[in-house]
Every structure is written in structure tokens, then in C-alpha cells.
Amino acid sequence: MDFVIIGAAVLFALIGLIKGGAKMFFGLFMLLIIMIGSAFISAAVCPLFLRSEKDGAVSYTGAATVLMDPLGGALPSDGDIGVFLDTEVTRKADGELYVGEVKLKDAVTEKVPYVGSFVASFVESAAYPGETLRTTFAYKITEYIYETVLWLILVIGLAIVRNIYRKKLFVYLDKHPGPSKVDRAIGLVINLVLLLVILWGVGALIAHYDDGTNWANSADAFLINGVIAKPLMANNPLLKLMNVTLPVA
């Protein structure tokens, strides 16, 4: 394992030196930050202009109903499933949501084939007393559509801004050797930290399945086989959080 660690460290260090910290940060890493941040922003902003709640009553804006009406009409309206979607959801004295006389969770589990038990909790969290599931589903689909559109706009816009600043920063580093060397040193450190996180993450994942005799135990025996590897992998902080000690007996 020592040879694996040394070889990986040399490789990661070279990549960090060549690319530099700025190129690594403003590359895929920054794009992931933009995508995740945009998802949170769109999820927080869209409900604000799609619905409002006052005195316990929910109302939907024109921006929402323009999609909710056709989407609600596209949902099944015949047979038991149609009746189920058009029955008003109520909250009874026990605090549970009901569709008619049946608990909402139980009704969804029964009415939805194959995945009913899985989606029941999601339906219950989205349902609102006083409205039908047809309205609830139409709104949630509408909300997802708006969130996706806003997410795309944010990602594209922020990615353009990222590219502008990245280009200016790269030009500056190319013209100034001192900061460029510092940037490359930062890239080396970042990559070595990333390698350490990967090693500890893989070690924690394998240790989670280690029962002392199985394949994971053999893998753990390899991971701690070495003068460098043993203290590095055995002192994994993730293992301490999991209350696991290597080797697992």
C-alpha cells in the first residue's frame, strides 16, 4: 500500500503543480458549486412567486395556474384513481392526513402500483389539507418545471461570469511569475488534500462492511499494510466517527 500512496501522491502533486490552484478551482469544482448553489436558490425562490398562504388558506398565482390547469387535466380522471385524485385531503383529530376515511399514506400505498409504499411519504409531505391531490400534483410538477428553468438560467449566467473572471485571472498569472508560482504551490497542496480525502473516504467505506472475515477485511488488511499506510489509514478520522478500529477483529 505504501507504493500505491507514494505513486498517487506524486501523480496528484504533478497535476496540482501543472494546473495550479486557480485552474482547478475555477474548473469543474466551481461549476459544481454553481450547479448546487443554483439548485438551492431556485428551490427557495420559485415557491415565493407561485403560491402564497394566508390565514391557513393556500392560493396560487397566475404564473402557477397557467401550467397547473393543463397539467391537472392531463392526470387520470376516470375510475378509482380519478376519484382518488379528486377527493379532498383532510387532517383529522389524530393529526394524520386522510383521503376520505383512509390515511393518505395507506391510500397511496394501495392505489399506486409497485412504488406506492416508496412515494407515500413524499406525497404526504407535499399534500395540503383542503385541496385535492390533483391540485397538489399539478402544483408540484409546475414547481419542478419553474425550478428547472430558473436553475438552467442561473447555471448558464453564473458560468459565463466564471469564465470572464477565470480568463482575467489566467492572463494575470501568465504575466506575473511570482503569483503564478504561489498558485501552483496551492494547486499541489489542494491535490494532496484531495488525495487524502479520497483515501480516507474509501477506507471508511470498506471498513463499514468489514466484519473481520469477509472480503472487506482482506481489503482493509491491504490498506494498512505498510510503514506509511498503517498510521495513515488506521488514524482515519472518519473511522473514529464510525467507532471502528483497524484491523477489525
Protein backbone atom coordinates (compact mmCIF):
# COMPACT_ATOMS: atom_id res chain seq x y z
CA MET A 1 0.00 0.00 0.00
CA ASP A 2 2.94 2.34 0.58
CA PHE A 3 3.79 2.17 -3.13
CA VAL A 4 0.17 3.00 -4.03
CA ILE A 5 0.15 6.01 -1.70
CA ILE A 6 3.55 7.31 -2.90
CA GLY A 7 2.67 6.84 -6.58
CA ALA A 8 -0.72 8.53 -6.16
CA ALA A 9 0.85 11.38 -4.17
CA VAL A 10 3.44 12.02 -6.91
CA LEU A 11 0.76 11.93 -9.62
CA PHE A 12 -1.63 14.24 -7.75
CA ALA A 13 1.21 16.61 -6.86
CA LEU A 14 2.31 16.86 -10.50
CA ILE A 15 -1.25 17.54 -11.63
CA GLY A 16 -1.57 20.24 -8.98
CA LEU A 17 1.73 21.85 -10.00
CA ILE A 18 0.87 21.82 -13.69
CA LYS A 19 -2.72 23.05 -13.42
CA GLY A 20 -2.36 25.34 -10.42
CA GLY A 21 -4.94 26.17 -7.80
CA ALA A 22 -6.82 28.75 -9.85
CA LYS A 23 -7.37 26.46 -12.82
CA MET A 24 -8.55 23.66 -10.54
CA PHE A 25 -10.85 25.90 -8.51
CA PHE A 26 -12.37 27.70 -11.50
CA GLY A 27 -12.78 24.46 -13.45
CA LEU A 28 -15.07 21.56 -12.61
CA PHE A 29 -15.05 22.41 -8.89
CA MET A 30 -16.50 25.89 -9.44
CA LEU A 31 -19.02 24.51 -11.92
CA LEU A 32 -20.23 22.00 -9.31
CA ILE A 33 -20.56 24.81 -6.77
CA ILE A 34 -22.58 26.84 -9.28
CA MET A 35 -24.87 23.90 -10.08
CA ILE A 36 -25.50 23.02 -6.43
CA GLY A 37 -25.93 26.66 -5.37
CA SER A 38 -28.32 27.32 -8.26
CA ALA A 39 -30.41 24.32 -7.23
CA PHE A 40 -30.81 25.71 -3.69
CA ILE A 41 -31.61 29.20 -5.00
CA SER A 42 -34.22 28.00 -7.49
CA ALA A 43 -35.86 25.76 -4.87
CA ALA A 44 -36.07 28.71 -2.46
CA VAL A 45 -37.21 31.37 -4.95
CA CYS A 46 -39.82 29.59 -7.09
CA PRO A 47 -42.40 28.89 -4.33
CA LEU A 48 -42.34 32.60 -3.44
CA PHE A 49 -43.94 33.66 -6.73
CA LEU A 50 -46.01 30.52 -7.36
CA ARG A 51 -48.09 30.28 -4.19
CA SER A 52 -48.97 32.18 -1.05
CA GLU A 53 -50.55 31.20 2.23
CA LYS A 54 -52.74 33.49 4.31
CA ASP A 55 -54.89 32.58 7.32
CA GLY A 56 -54.34 28.89 6.61
CA ALA A 57 -55.57 29.15 3.01
CA VAL A 58 -53.31 28.50 0.04
CA SER A 59 -53.67 30.46 -3.19
CA TYR A 60 -51.79 30.04 -6.45
CA THR A 61 -50.56 32.86 -8.66
CA GLY A 62 -51.25 33.25 -12.34
CA ALA A 63 -47.73 32.05 -13.12
CA ALA A 64 -48.59 28.78 -11.40
CA THR A 65 -52.14 28.24 -12.69
CA VAL A 66 -51.11 28.77 -16.31
CA LEU A 67 -49.36 25.38 -16.07
CA MET A 68 -51.37 23.79 -13.26
CA ASP A 69 -54.66 23.81 -15.19
CA PRO A 70 -53.45 21.79 -18.22
CA LEU A 71 -51.25 19.56 -16.05
CA GLY A 72 -54.13 18.79 -13.69
CA GLY A 73 -56.37 18.00 -16.65
CA ALA A 74 -53.76 15.61 -18.03
CA LEU A 75 -53.83 13.48 -14.87
CA PRO A 76 -56.20 10.45 -14.88
CA SER A 77 -59.83 11.35 -14.25
CA ASP A 78 -61.61 8.03 -14.77
CA GLY A 79 -62.20 5.14 -12.38
CA ASP A 80 -60.92 4.77 -8.84
CA ILE A 81 -57.73 6.71 -9.50
CA GLY A 82 -59.74 9.69 -10.77
CA VAL A 83 -61.94 9.66 -7.67
CA PHE A 84 -58.83 9.31 -5.52
CA LEU A 85 -57.17 12.36 -7.12
CA ASP A 86 -60.32 14.48 -6.83
CA THR A 87 -61.05 13.67 -3.16
CA GLU A 88 -60.17 16.48 -0.78
CA VAL A 89 -57.38 15.79 1.67
CA THR A 90 -58.30 16.40 5.32
CA ARG A 91 -56.44 16.42 8.61
CA LYS A 92 -58.29 14.61 11.38
CA ALA A 93 -58.03 14.81 15.14
CA ASP A 94 -55.13 12.35 15.28
CA GLY A 95 -53.01 14.77 13.25
CA GLU A 96 -52.82 12.44 10.23
CA LEU A 97 -53.80 13.35 6.66
CA TYR A 98 -56.73 11.40 5.22
CA VAL A 99 -58.32 10.86 1.82
CA GLY A 100 -61.91 10.10 2.69
CA GLU A 101 -61.75 7.70 5.61
CA VAL A 102 -58.37 6.22 4.72
CA LYS A 103 -55.00 7.55 5.84
CA LEU A 104 -53.21 9.25 2.96
CA LYS A 105 -50.11 7.07 3.30
CA ASP A 106 -52.18 3.88 3.21
CA ALA A 107 -54.26 5.13 0.30
CA VAL A 108 -51.20 5.99 -1.81
CA THR A 109 -49.59 2.65 -0.98
CA GLU A 110 -52.73 0.86 -2.14
CA LYS A 111 -53.59 2.96 -5.20
CA VAL A 112 -50.12 3.40 -6.73
CA PRO A 113 -48.77 0.11 -8.16
CA TYR A 114 -45.25 -1.12 -7.38
CA VAL A 115 -43.83 2.10 -5.90
CA GLY A 116 -46.75 3.17 -3.72
CA SER A 117 -45.05 2.42 -0.43
CA PHE A 118 -41.96 4.32 -1.57
CA VAL A 119 -43.70 7.50 -2.75
CA ALA A 120 -46.30 7.60 0.04
CA SER A 121 -44.13 9.69 2.37
CA PHE A 122 -43.31 12.17 -0.45
CA VAL A 123 -46.99 12.56 -1.31
CA GLU A 124 -47.86 13.11 2.34
CA SER A 125 -45.20 15.83 2.71
CA ALA A 126 -46.49 17.63 -0.41
CA ALA A 127 -50.24 17.27 0.31
CA TYR A 128 -52.15 20.14 1.88
CA PRO A 129 -55.41 19.87 3.87
CA GLY A 130 -58.34 21.37 2.00
CA GLU A 131 -57.12 20.65 -1.52
CA THR A 132 -57.23 17.59 -3.75
CA LEU A 133 -54.24 15.51 -4.76
CA ARG A 134 -54.89 16.55 -8.35
CA THR A 135 -54.14 20.13 -7.34
CA THR A 136 -51.15 19.05 -5.25
CA PHE A 137 -49.59 17.00 -8.05
CA ALA A 138 -50.27 19.70 -10.66
CA TYR A 139 -48.58 22.28 -8.45
CA LYS A 140 -45.54 20.14 -7.66
CA ILE A 141 -44.97 19.38 -11.36
CA THR A 142 -45.35 23.11 -12.11
CA GLU A 143 -42.90 23.95 -9.35
CA TYR A 144 -40.34 21.47 -10.72
CA ILE A 145 -40.68 22.95 -14.22
CA TYR A 146 -40.08 26.50 -12.98
CA GLU A 147 -37.20 25.37 -10.77
CA THR A 148 -35.55 23.58 -13.69
CA VAL A 149 -35.88 26.62 -15.97
CA LEU A 150 -34.55 29.00 -13.30
CA TRP A 151 -31.73 26.56 -12.50
CA LEU A 152 -30.65 26.49 -16.14
CA ILE A 153 -30.71 30.30 -16.35
CA LEU A 154 -28.65 30.65 -13.18
CA VAL A 155 -26.11 27.98 -14.19
CA ILE A 156 -25.59 29.48 -17.65
CA GLY A 157 -25.37 33.04 -16.33
CA LEU A 158 -23.00 32.23 -13.47
CA ALA A 159 -20.89 30.02 -15.72
CA ILE A 160 -20.43 32.95 -18.10
CA VAL A 161 -19.38 35.19 -15.20
CA ARG A 162 -16.99 32.45 -14.02
CA ASN A 163 -15.41 32.23 -17.46
CA ILE A 164 -14.89 36.00 -17.64
CA TYR A 165 -13.14 36.18 -14.26
CA ARG A 166 -11.21 32.98 -14.95
CA LYS A 167 -9.83 34.37 -18.20
CA LYS A 168 -8.73 37.60 -16.49
CA LEU A 169 -7.09 35.66 -13.66
CA PHE A 170 -5.23 33.34 -16.04
CA VAL A 171 -3.90 36.31 -18.04
CA TYR A 172 -2.71 37.92 -14.81
CA LEU A 173 -0.94 34.73 -13.66
CA ASP A 174 0.72 34.30 -17.05
CA LYS A 175 2.19 37.80 -16.81
CA HIS A 176 3.28 37.58 -13.15
CA PRO A 177 5.62 34.64 -12.38
CA GLY A 178 5.61 35.25 -8.61
CA PRO A 179 1.86 34.80 -8.06
CA SER A 180 1.90 32.01 -10.65
CA LYS A 181 4.37 30.01 -8.56
CA VAL A 182 2.25 30.55 -5.45
CA ASP A 183 -0.81 29.39 -7.42
CA ARG A 184 0.96 26.21 -8.48
CA ALA A 185 2.03 25.52 -4.89
CA ILE A 186 -1.59 25.97 -3.80
CA GLY A 187 -2.65 23.53 -6.52
CA LEU A 188 -0.15 20.97 -5.20
CA VAL A 189 -1.48 21.30 -1.65
CA ILE A 190 -5.13 21.12 -2.78
CA ASN A 191 -4.49 17.96 -4.79
CA LEU A 192 -2.66 16.24 -1.94
CA VAL A 193 -5.53 17.11 0.43
CA LEU A 194 -7.96 15.76 -2.16
CA LEU A 195 -5.96 12.51 -2.35
CA LEU A 196 -6.06 12.20 1.44
CA VAL A 197 -9.83 12.70 1.45
CA ILE A 198 -10.22 10.02 -1.24
CA LEU A 199 -8.04 7.54 0.67
CA TRP A 200 -9.88 8.14 3.93
CA GLY A 201 -13.27 8.01 2.21
CA VAL A 202 -12.51 4.68 0.51
CA GLY A 203 -11.06 3.34 3.77
CA ALA A 204 -14.18 4.31 5.73
CA LEU A 205 -16.47 2.77 3.10
CA ILE A 206 -14.59 -0.55 3.13
CA ALA A 207 -14.35 -0.58 6.93
CA HIS A 208 -18.12 -0.15 7.13
CA TYR A 209 -18.55 -3.60 5.55
CA ASP A 210 -15.65 -5.24 7.40
CA ASP A 211 -16.89 -8.00 9.73
CA GLY A 212 -13.44 -9.42 10.46
CA THR A 213 -13.59 -12.32 7.99
CA ASN A 214 -15.06 -11.17 4.67
CA TRP A 215 -13.66 -9.52 1.52
CA ALA A 216 -13.67 -6.12 3.23
CA ASN A 217 -11.39 -7.48 5.92
CA SER A 218 -8.91 -8.61 3.26
CA ALA A 219 -9.10 -5.17 1.64
CA ASP A 220 -8.52 -3.47 5.00
CA ALA A 221 -5.53 -5.72 5.62
CA PHE A 222 -4.03 -4.46 2.36
CA LEU A 223 -4.89 -0.80 3.12
CA ILE A 224 -2.91 -0.82 6.38
CA ASN A 225 -0.03 -2.94 5.05
CA GLY A 226 2.88 -0.52 5.05
CA VAL A 227 5.02 1.82 7.11
CA ILE A 228 3.16 4.85 5.69
CA ALA A 229 -0.17 3.16 5.13
CA LYS A 230 -0.77 1.82 8.63
CA PRO A 231 -0.72 5.11 10.58
CA LEU A 232 -2.34 6.99 7.70
CA MET A 233 -5.31 4.62 7.28
CA ALA A 234 -5.67 3.43 10.87
CA ASN A 235 -5.94 7.04 12.13
CA ASN A 236 -8.67 7.91 9.65
CA PRO A 237 -10.91 10.46 11.46
CA LEU A 238 -13.96 9.00 9.71
CA LEU A 239 -13.26 5.67 11.39
CA LYS A 240 -13.27 7.40 14.76
CA LEU A 241 -16.70 8.84 13.99
CA MET A 242 -17.87 5.34 13.00
CA ASN A 243 -16.28 3.89 16.15
CA VAL A 244 -14.29 1.40 14.04
CA THR A 245 -10.69 0.38 14.75
CA LEU A 246 -8.43 -1.23 12.16
CA PRO A 247 -7.77 -4.08 11.91
CA VAL A 248 -11.33 -5.21 12.62
CA ALA A 249 -11.29 -8.32 14.81
